[in-house]
């Protein structure tokens, strides 16, 4: 699902006007890419030869960081739609 959302955002990117909306768009894209990377690292860190392992401190840290990034990126996405009118 995340890859589909990324593709939709890239399709919409050329339509965004220069200025604060574009700046917020780049921040949104970067933060959401960080969240994706953190959750991917969390998934891969919990595998040992493709067998799931019990979560540890690293898993909890990656989950927490991913959740924070996802929340902030989501807030920026809402700001793009409701504040700048992007995607309407």
Protein backbone atom coordinates (compact mmCIF):
# COMPACT_ATOMS: atom_id res chain seq x y z
CA UNK A 1 0.00 0.00 0.00
CA UNK A 2 2.84 2.39 0.81
CA UNK A 3 4.35 1.92 -2.65
CA UNK A 4 1.01 2.77 -4.29
CA UNK A 5 0.76 5.94 -2.19
CA UNK A 6 4.32 6.89 -3.14
CA UNK A 7 3.51 6.44 -6.82
CA UNK A 8 0.37 8.59 -6.50
CA UNK A 9 2.41 11.32 -4.82
CA UNK A 10 5.05 11.26 -7.53
CA UNK A 11 2.35 11.59 -10.18
CA UNK A 12 0.91 14.63 -8.35
CA UNK A 13 4.33 16.26 -7.76
CA UNK A 14 4.62 18.20 -11.06
CA UNK A 15 1.27 19.92 -10.36
CA UNK A 16 2.38 21.47 -7.07
CA UNK A 17 3.18 25.18 -7.32
CA UNK A 18 6.50 26.57 -6.13
CA UNK A 19 6.62 28.07 -2.66
CA UNK A 20 5.46 26.84 0.73
CA UNK A 21 3.36 24.01 -0.73
CA UNK A 22 6.34 22.54 -2.58
CA UNK A 23 8.55 22.91 0.49
CA UNK A 24 5.98 21.05 2.60
CA UNK A 25 5.71 18.42 -0.13
CA UNK A 26 9.43 17.68 -0.02
CA UNK A 27 9.34 17.48 3.78
CA UNK A 28 6.32 15.15 3.61
CA UNK A 29 8.03 12.92 1.05
CA UNK A 30 11.26 12.74 3.04
CA UNK A 31 9.62 12.00 6.38
CA UNK A 32 7.35 9.33 4.90
CA UNK A 33 10.33 7.72 3.16
CA UNK A 34 12.13 7.65 6.52
CA UNK A 35 9.08 6.02 8.13
CA UNK A 36 9.00 3.42 5.33
CA UNK A 37 12.71 2.70 5.82
CA UNK A 38 12.32 2.39 9.60
CA UNK A 39 9.43 -0.07 9.33
CA UNK A 40 11.29 -2.03 6.65
CA UNK A 41 14.36 -2.21 8.90
CA UNK A 42 12.09 -3.35 11.75
CA UNK A 43 10.67 -6.12 9.59
CA UNK A 44 14.09 -7.29 8.46
CA UNK A 45 15.62 -7.08 11.94
CA UNK A 46 13.00 -9.52 13.22
CA UNK A 47 13.99 -12.24 10.78
CA UNK A 48 16.76 -14.81 11.09
CA UNK A 49 17.06 -16.88 7.93
CA UNK A 50 13.46 -15.95 7.08
CA UNK A 51 12.20 -17.19 10.46
CA UNK A 52 10.49 -14.64 12.74
CA UNK A 53 12.25 -13.87 16.01
CA UNK A 54 10.98 -12.46 19.30
CA UNK A 55 11.07 -8.65 19.29
CA UNK A 56 13.77 -6.95 21.32
CA UNK A 57 14.87 -3.44 22.21
CA UNK A 58 15.92 -2.65 18.64
CA UNK A 59 12.50 -3.63 17.33
CA UNK A 60 10.78 -1.41 19.88
CA UNK A 61 13.08 1.51 19.04
CA UNK A 62 12.48 1.13 15.30
CA UNK A 63 8.73 0.85 15.87
CA UNK A 64 8.67 3.99 18.03
CA UNK A 65 10.77 6.00 15.59
CA UNK A 66 8.65 4.79 12.66
CA UNK A 67 5.45 5.74 14.47
CA UNK A 68 6.75 9.24 15.22
CA UNK A 69 7.85 9.71 11.60
CA UNK A 70 4.53 8.36 10.33
CA UNK A 71 2.57 10.73 12.57
CA UNK A 72 4.56 13.80 11.54
CA UNK A 73 4.49 12.83 7.87
CA UNK A 74 0.74 12.29 8.08
CA UNK A 75 0.30 15.70 9.67
CA UNK A 76 2.29 17.25 6.81
CA UNK A 77 0.10 15.38 4.32
CA UNK A 78 -3.00 16.84 5.97
CA UNK A 79 -1.43 20.27 5.80
CA UNK A 80 -0.84 19.79 2.07
CA UNK A 81 -4.47 18.83 1.41
CA UNK A 82 -6.33 21.08 3.83
CA UNK A 83 -3.87 23.96 4.11
CA UNK A 84 -2.56 24.21 0.55
CA UNK A 85 -5.42 22.54 -1.34
CA UNK A 86 -3.14 19.97 -3.01
CA UNK A 87 -4.93 16.98 -4.53
CA UNK A 88 -8.41 18.47 -4.44
